[in-house]
Amino acid sequence: MQSTFTAYFKEHGIPDTDINALAAIAKTRTLRRNELLLQAGEVCRHKIFIVNGLLRTFTTGTNGNEHILHFSPEHTWTLDVESFDKETPSAINIAATEPTEVMLWRKNDFNSLLAEMPELKNLAQQLISRNIYNSRQRILTAISATPEEKYDDFMRNYPGLLSRLPLHMIASYMGISLKTLTRIRHAQLHR
């Protein structure tokens, strides 16, 4: 787990001493497939780095259907930012879609690291900006794209996930029915 973690931070210009300090404060956790890391109603208390595996962030409708907001594969970060910042109960769930290893930092610990490590603070600001951009693009796609365009967008943004996810999760993420997704995939195979 440590070598993947170290490689990620080195790639982003974080010095070895800072990487060691980050690792020393982090809590590691291994999740089984479908195990919840955060359940709606709990307060999100950690910044989450996915070392390997895959998490999904979702809500559950009154009919029991999942509404997937995003996927977090290895070498990405996730959390419920509103719950984390305001220390209020979360409206979302975060769960593993496959066996997953994560590193977790408590809010006060991570804020202390940001204050002490300018390179980490710069990386955090870049990630926030990228997440804002990606969220805006996701909203625009969700409200204005055709199902075929949504599928193309998914393939562009998550090229390696098609083989790792059940089709019903991909359909949920795109906001279309499984039947529609199957039709789109079938049509693309016969082009």
C-alpha atoms as a PDB file:
ATOM      1  CA  MET A   1       0.000   0.000   0.000  1.00  0.00           C
ATOM      2  CA  GLN A   2       2.769   2.442   0.915  1.00  0.00           C
ATOM      3  CA  SER A   3       4.593   2.238  -2.438  1.00  0.00           C
ATOM      4  CA  THR A   4       1.476   3.206  -4.434  1.00  0.00           C
ATOM      5  CA  PHE A   5       0.752   6.005  -1.977  1.00  0.00           C
ATOM      6  CA  THR A   6       4.365   7.241  -2.143  1.00  0.00           C
ATOM      7  CA  ALA A   7       4.435   7.153  -5.956  1.00  0.00           C
ATOM      8  CA  TYR A   8       1.239   9.235  -6.167  1.00  0.00           C
ATOM      9  CA  PHE A   9       2.586  11.992  -3.937  1.00  0.00           C
ATOM     10  CA  LYS A  10       6.047  12.002  -5.555  1.00  0.00           C
ATOM     11  CA  GLU A  11       4.342  12.408  -8.929  1.00  0.00           C
ATOM     12  CA  HIS A  12       2.646  15.525  -7.526  1.00  0.00           C
ATOM     13  CA  GLY A  13       5.872  17.074  -6.235  1.00  0.00           C
ATOM     14  CA  ILE A  14       5.459  16.313  -2.534  1.00  0.00           C
ATOM     15  CA  PRO A  15       8.865  15.950  -0.789  1.00  0.00           C
ATOM     16  CA  ASP A  16       9.783  12.638   0.873  1.00  0.00           C
ATOM     17  CA  THR A  17       9.715  14.141   4.369  1.00  0.00           C
ATOM     18  CA  ASP A  18       6.157  15.384   3.789  1.00  0.00           C
ATOM     19  CA  ILE A  19       5.099  12.011   2.342  1.00  0.00           C
ATOM     20  CA  ASN A  20       6.425  10.306   5.468  1.00  0.00           C
ATOM     21  CA  ALA A  21       4.520  12.757   7.693  1.00  0.00           C
ATOM     22  CA  LEU A  22       1.332  12.174   5.684  1.00  0.00           C
ATOM     23  CA  ALA A  23       1.700   8.409   6.026  1.00  0.00           C
ATOM     24  CA  ALA A  24       2.435   8.605   9.751  1.00  0.00           C
ATOM     25  CA  ILE A  25      -0.808  10.445  10.497  1.00  0.00           C
ATOM     26  CA  ALA A  26      -3.038   8.435   8.146  1.00  0.00           C
ATOM     27  CA  LYS A  27      -5.226   5.580   9.220  1.00  0.00           C
ATOM     28  CA  THR A  28      -5.360   2.704   6.724  1.00  0.00           C
ATOM     29  CA  ARG A  29      -8.404   0.586   6.089  1.00  0.00           C
ATOM     30  CA  THR A  30      -9.281  -2.303   3.807  1.00  0.00           C
ATOM     31  CA  LEU A  31     -12.877  -2.577   2.619  1.00  0.00           C
ATOM     32  CA  ARG A  32     -14.701  -5.601   1.301  1.00  0.00           C
ATOM     33  CA  ARG A  33     -16.887  -5.387  -1.788  1.00  0.00           C
ATOM     34  CA  ASN A  34     -20.071  -3.379  -0.967  1.00  0.00           C
ATOM     35  CA  GLU A  35     -18.774  -2.399   2.492  1.00  0.00           C
ATOM     36  CA  LEU A  36     -19.806   1.114   3.510  1.00  0.00           C
ATOM     37  CA  LEU A  37     -17.109   3.616   4.399  1.00  0.00           C
ATOM     38  CA  LEU A  38     -19.653   6.374   5.055  1.00  0.00           C
ATOM     39  CA  GLN A  39     -23.365   5.851   5.619  1.00  0.00           C
ATOM     40  CA  ALA A  40     -26.005   8.546   5.137  1.00  0.00           C
ATOM     41  CA  GLY A  41     -26.732  10.095   8.538  1.00  0.00           C
ATOM     42  CA  GLU A  42     -23.135   9.813   9.771  1.00  0.00           C
ATOM     43  CA  VAL A  43     -20.755  12.772   9.842  1.00  0.00           C
ATOM     44  CA  CYS A  44     -17.924  12.496   7.319  1.00  0.00           C
ATOM     45  CA  ARG A  45     -14.832  12.756   9.517  1.00  0.00           C
ATOM     46  CA  HIS A  46     -12.063  11.885   7.048  1.00  0.00           C
ATOM     47  CA  LYS A  47     -10.392  12.895   3.815  1.00  0.00           C
ATOM     48  CA  ILE A  48     -10.146   9.662   1.860  1.00  0.00           C
ATOM     49  CA  PHE A  49      -7.379   8.639  -0.550  1.00  0.00           C
ATOM     50  CA  ILE A  50      -8.025   5.481  -2.562  1.00  0.00           C
ATOM     51  CA  VAL A  51      -4.783   3.507  -2.710  1.00  0.00           C
ATOM     52  CA  ASN A  52      -6.296   0.718  -4.787  1.00  0.00           C
ATOM     53  CA  GLY A  53      -9.774  -0.456  -5.565  1.00  0.00           C
ATOM     54  CA  LEU A  54     -12.899   1.500  -6.364  1.00  0.00           C
ATOM     55  CA  LEU A  55     -15.447   3.463  -4.314  1.00  0.00           C
ATOM     56  CA  ARG A  56     -18.837   4.803  -5.352  1.00  0.00           C
ATOM     57  CA  THR A  57     -20.669   7.761  -3.850  1.00  0.00           C
ATOM     58  CA  PHE A  58     -24.442   7.415  -3.957  1.00  0.00           C
ATOM     59  CA  THR A  59     -27.824   8.079  -2.433  1.00  0.00           C
ATOM     60  CA  THR A  60     -30.647   5.585  -2.167  1.00  0.00           C
ATOM     61  CA  GLY A  61     -34.127   6.542  -3.354  1.00  0.00           C
ATOM     62  CA  THR A  62     -37.326   5.676  -1.527  1.00  0.00           C
ATOM     63  CA  ASN A  63     -37.768   2.776  -3.986  1.00  0.00           C
ATOM     64  CA  GLY A  64     -34.379   1.354  -2.924  1.00  0.00           C
ATOM     65  CA  ASN A  65     -32.603   2.274  -6.171  1.00  0.00           C
ATOM     66  CA  GLU A  66     -29.097   3.716  -5.975  1.00  0.00           C
ATOM     67  CA  HIS A  67     -28.384   7.087  -7.571  1.00  0.00           C
ATOM     68  CA  ILE A  68     -24.627   7.120  -8.149  1.00  0.00           C
ATOM     69  CA  LEU A  69     -23.020  10.556  -8.029  1.00  0.00           C
ATOM     70  CA  HIS A  70     -19.466   9.504  -8.866  1.00  0.00           C
ATOM     71  CA  PHE A  71     -16.846   6.798  -8.836  1.00  0.00           C
ATOM     72  CA  SER A  72     -13.471   7.108  -7.130  1.00  0.00           C
ATOM     73  CA  PRO A  73     -10.862   4.712  -8.520  1.00  0.00           C
ATOM     74  CA  GLU A  74      -7.339   4.269  -7.208  1.00  0.00           C
ATOM     75  CA  HIS A  75      -5.185   7.377  -6.859  1.00  0.00           C
ATOM     76  CA  THR A  76      -8.144   9.686  -6.345  1.00  0.00           C
ATOM     77  CA  TRP A  77      -9.664  11.393  -3.324  1.00  0.00           C
ATOM     78  CA  THR A  78     -13.212  11.450  -2.042  1.00  0.00           C
ATOM     79  CA  LEU A  79     -15.369  12.591   0.869  1.00  0.00           C
ATOM     80  CA  ASP A  80     -18.698  14.275   1.519  1.00  0.00           C
ATOM     81  CA  VAL A  81     -17.307  17.788   1.476  1.00  0.00           C
ATOM     82  CA  GLU A  82     -20.376  19.438   3.031  1.00  0.00           C
ATOM     83  CA  SER A  83     -20.578  16.965   5.913  1.00  0.00           C
ATOM     84  CA  PHE A  84     -16.803  17.161   6.425  1.00  0.00           C
ATOM     85  CA  ASP A  85     -16.645  20.969   6.415  1.00  0.00           C
ATOM     86  CA  LYS A  86     -19.802  21.666   8.427  1.00  0.00           C
ATOM     87  CA  GLU A  87     -19.579  18.536  10.614  1.00  0.00           C
ATOM     88  CA  THR A  88     -23.205  17.713   9.828  1.00  0.00           C
ATOM     89  CA  PRO A  89     -24.818  14.362   8.973  1.00  0.00           C
ATOM     90  CA  SER A  90     -24.126  13.191   5.448  1.00  0.00           C
ATOM     91  CA  ALA A  91     -26.866  12.754   2.870  1.00  0.00           C
ATOM     92  CA  ILE A  92     -24.737  10.297   0.871  1.00  0.00           C
ATOM     93  CA  ASN A  93     -23.151   6.888   1.172  1.00  0.00           C
ATOM     94  CA  ILE A  94     -19.640   5.907   0.149  1.00  0.00           C
ATOM     95  CA  ALA A  95     -19.055   2.201  -0.451  1.00  0.00           C
ATOM     96  CA  ALA A  96     -16.520  -0.118  -2.072  1.00  0.00           C
ATOM     97  CA  THR A  97     -17.558  -1.647  -5.390  1.00  0.00           C
ATOM     98  CA  GLU A  98     -14.630  -4.071  -5.148  1.00  0.00           C
ATOM     99  CA  PRO A  99     -12.042  -4.822  -2.442  1.00  0.00           C
ATOM    100  CA  THR A 100     -10.462  -1.438  -1.728  1.00  0.00           C
ATOM    101  CA  GLU A 101      -7.615  -0.034   0.359  1.00  0.00           C
ATOM    102  CA  VAL A 102      -7.887   3.545   1.579  1.00  0.00           C
ATOM    103  CA  MET A 103      -5.927   5.994   3.696  1.00  0.00           C
ATOM    104  CA  LEU A 104      -7.886   8.350   5.955  1.00  0.00           C
ATOM    105  CA  TRP A 105      -7.018  11.662   7.614  1.00  0.00           C
ATOM    106  CA  ARG A 106      -9.072  13.368  10.303  1.00  0.00           C
ATOM    107  CA  LYS A 107     -10.005  16.999   9.621  1.00  0.00           C
ATOM    108  CA  ASN A 108      -7.753  18.627  12.230  1.00  0.00           C
ATOM    109  CA  ASP A 109      -4.791  16.460  11.254  1.00  0.00           C
ATOM    110  CA  PHE A 110      -5.200  17.213   7.546  1.00  0.00           C
ATOM    111  CA  ASN A 111      -5.628  20.943   8.170  1.00  0.00           C
ATOM    112  CA  SER A 112      -2.403  20.931  10.204  1.00  0.00           C
ATOM    113  CA  LEU A 113      -0.599  19.191   7.357  1.00  0.00           C
ATOM    114  CA  LEU A 114      -1.921  21.765   4.867  1.00  0.00           C
ATOM    115  CA  ALA A 115      -0.620  24.590   7.065  1.00  0.00           C
ATOM    116  CA  GLU A 116       2.824  22.973   7.322  1.00  0.00           C
ATOM    117  CA  MET A 117       3.228  21.727   3.736  1.00  0.00           C
ATOM    118  CA  PRO A 118       2.935  24.285   0.932  1.00  0.00           C
ATOM    119  CA  GLU A 119       3.212  21.618  -1.791  1.00  0.00           C
ATOM    120  CA  LEU A 120       0.327  19.658  -0.253  1.00  0.00           C
ATOM    121  CA  LYS A 121      -1.756  22.831   0.013  1.00  0.00           C
ATOM    122  CA  ASN A 122      -1.079  23.553  -3.668  1.00  0.00           C
ATOM    123  CA  LEU A 123      -2.101  19.994  -4.611  1.00  0.00           C
ATOM    124  CA  ALA A 124      -5.286  20.307  -2.538  1.00  0.00           C
ATOM    125  CA  GLN A 125      -6.200  23.569  -4.285  1.00  0.00           C
ATOM    126  CA  GLN A 126      -5.622  21.966  -7.709  1.00  0.00           C
ATOM    127  CA  LEU A 127      -7.850  19.035  -6.731  1.00  0.00           C
ATOM    128  CA  ILE A 128     -10.621  21.363  -5.533  1.00  0.00           C
ATOM    129  CA  SER A 129     -10.501  23.328  -8.795  1.00  0.00           C
ATOM    130  CA  ARG A 130     -10.573  20.128 -10.853  1.00  0.00           C
ATOM    131  CA  ASN A 131     -13.508  18.783  -8.833  1.00  0.00           C
ATOM    132  CA  ILE A 132     -15.492  21.992  -9.364  1.00  0.00           C
ATOM    133  CA  TYR A 133     -14.877  21.783 -13.112  1.00  0.00           C
ATOM    134  CA  ASN A 134     -15.738  18.071 -13.253  1.00  0.00           C
ATOM    135  CA  SER A 135     -18.923  18.607 -11.227  1.00  0.00           C
ATOM    136  CA  ARG A 136     -20.075  21.368 -13.563  1.00  0.00           C
ATOM    137  CA  GLN A 137     -19.411  19.182 -16.597  1.00  0.00           C
ATOM    138  CA  ARG A 138     -21.249  16.262 -14.966  1.00  0.00           C
ATOM    139  CA  ILE A 139     -24.308  18.448 -14.283  1.00  0.00           C
ATOM    140  CA  LEU A 140     -24.332  19.800 -17.843  1.00  0.00           C
ATOM    141  CA  THR A 141     -24.075  16.292 -19.265  1.00  0.00           C
ATOM    142  CA  ALA A 142     -26.805  14.983 -16.945  1.00  0.00           C
ATOM    143  CA  ILE A 143     -29.302  17.676 -17.892  1.00  0.00           C
ATOM    144  CA  SER A 144     -28.604  18.166 -21.584  1.00  0.00           C
ATOM    145  CA  ALA A 145     -26.950  15.117 -23.156  1.00  0.00           C
ATOM    146  CA  THR A 146     -28.648  12.265 -24.965  1.00  0.00           C
ATOM    147  CA  PRO A 147     -28.184   8.765 -23.517  1.00  0.00           C
ATOM    148  CA  GLU A 148     -25.597   8.060 -26.242  1.00  0.00           C
ATOM    149  CA  GLU A 149     -23.685  11.231 -25.335  1.00  0.00           C
ATOM    150  CA  LYS A 150     -23.828  10.255 -21.644  1.00  0.00           C
ATOM    151  CA  TYR A 151     -22.345   6.871 -22.489  1.00  0.00           C
ATOM    152  CA  ASP A 152     -19.587   8.486 -24.575  1.00  0.00           C
ATOM    153  CA  ASP A 153     -18.883  10.880 -21.690  1.00  0.00           C
ATOM    154  CA  PHE A 154     -18.654   7.964 -19.251  1.00  0.00           C
ATOM    155  CA  MET A 155     -16.251   6.114 -21.545  1.00  0.00           C
ATOM    156  CA  ARG A 156     -14.114   9.246 -21.916  1.00  0.00           C
ATOM    157  CA  ASN A 157     -13.993   9.996 -18.173  1.00  0.00           C
ATOM    158  CA  TYR A 158     -13.782   6.416 -16.861  1.00  0.00           C
ATOM    159  CA  PRO A 159     -12.200   4.365 -19.679  1.00  0.00           C
ATOM    160  CA  GLY A 160     -10.969   1.563 -17.416  1.00  0.00           C
ATOM    161  CA  LEU A 161     -14.110   1.139 -15.342  1.00  0.00           C
ATOM    162  CA  LEU A 162     -16.446  -0.531 -17.834  1.00  0.00           C
ATOM    163  CA  SER A 163     -14.920  -3.937 -17.108  1.00  0.00           C
ATOM    164  CA  ARG A 164     -14.912  -3.321 -13.336  1.00  0.00           C
ATOM    165  CA  LEU A 165     -18.511  -2.210 -12.850  1.00  0.00           C
ATOM    166  CA  PRO A 166     -21.845  -3.964 -13.229  1.00  0.00           C
ATOM    167  CA  LEU A 167     -23.957  -2.384 -15.964  1.00  0.00           C
ATOM    168  CA  HIS A 168     -26.700  -1.381 -13.521  1.00  0.00           C
ATOM    169  CA  MET A 169     -24.197   0.890 -11.705  1.00  0.00           C
ATOM    170  CA  ILE A 170     -23.106   2.519 -14.955  1.00  0.00           C
ATOM    171  CA  ALA A 171     -26.756   3.076 -15.896  1.00  0.00           C
ATOM    172  CA  SER A 172     -27.428   4.564 -12.455  1.00  0.00           C
ATOM    173  CA  TYR A 173     -24.459   6.930 -12.811  1.00  0.00           C
ATOM    174  CA  MET A 174     -25.697   8.071 -16.216  1.00  0.00           C
ATOM    175  CA  GLY A 175     -29.300   8.421 -15.053  1.00  0.00           C
ATOM    176  CA  ILE A 176     -30.670   6.048 -17.674  1.00  0.00           C
ATOM    177  CA  SER A 177     -32.350   2.655 -17.532  1.00  0.00           C
ATOM    178  CA  LEU A 178     -30.384  -0.567 -17.809  1.00  0.00           C
ATOM    179  CA  LYS A 179     -32.451  -1.362 -20.924  1.00  0.00           C
ATOM    180  CA  THR A 180     -31.339   1.899 -22.583  1.00  0.00           C
ATOM    181  CA  LEU A 181     -27.699   1.275 -21.692  1.00  0.00           C
ATOM    182  CA  THR A 182     -27.890  -2.243 -23.112  1.00  0.00           C
ATOM    183  CA  ARG A 183     -29.401  -0.873 -26.339  1.00  0.00           C
ATOM    184  CA  ILE A 184     -26.622   1.738 -26.677  1.00  0.00           C
ATOM    185  CA  ARG A 185     -23.877  -0.820 -26.087  1.00  0.00           C
ATOM    186  CA  HIS A 186     -25.475  -3.249 -28.545  1.00  0.00           C
ATOM    187  CA  ALA A 187     -25.716  -0.522 -31.216  1.00  0.00           C
ATOM    188  CA  GLN A 188     -22.055   0.425 -30.730  1.00  0.00           C
ATOM    189  CA  LEU A 189     -20.941  -3.201 -31.069  1.00  0.00           C
ATOM    190  CA  HIS A 190     -22.711  -3.454 -34.427  1.00  0.00           C
ATOM    191  CA  ARG A 191     -21.237  -0.305 -35.972  1.00  0.00           C
END
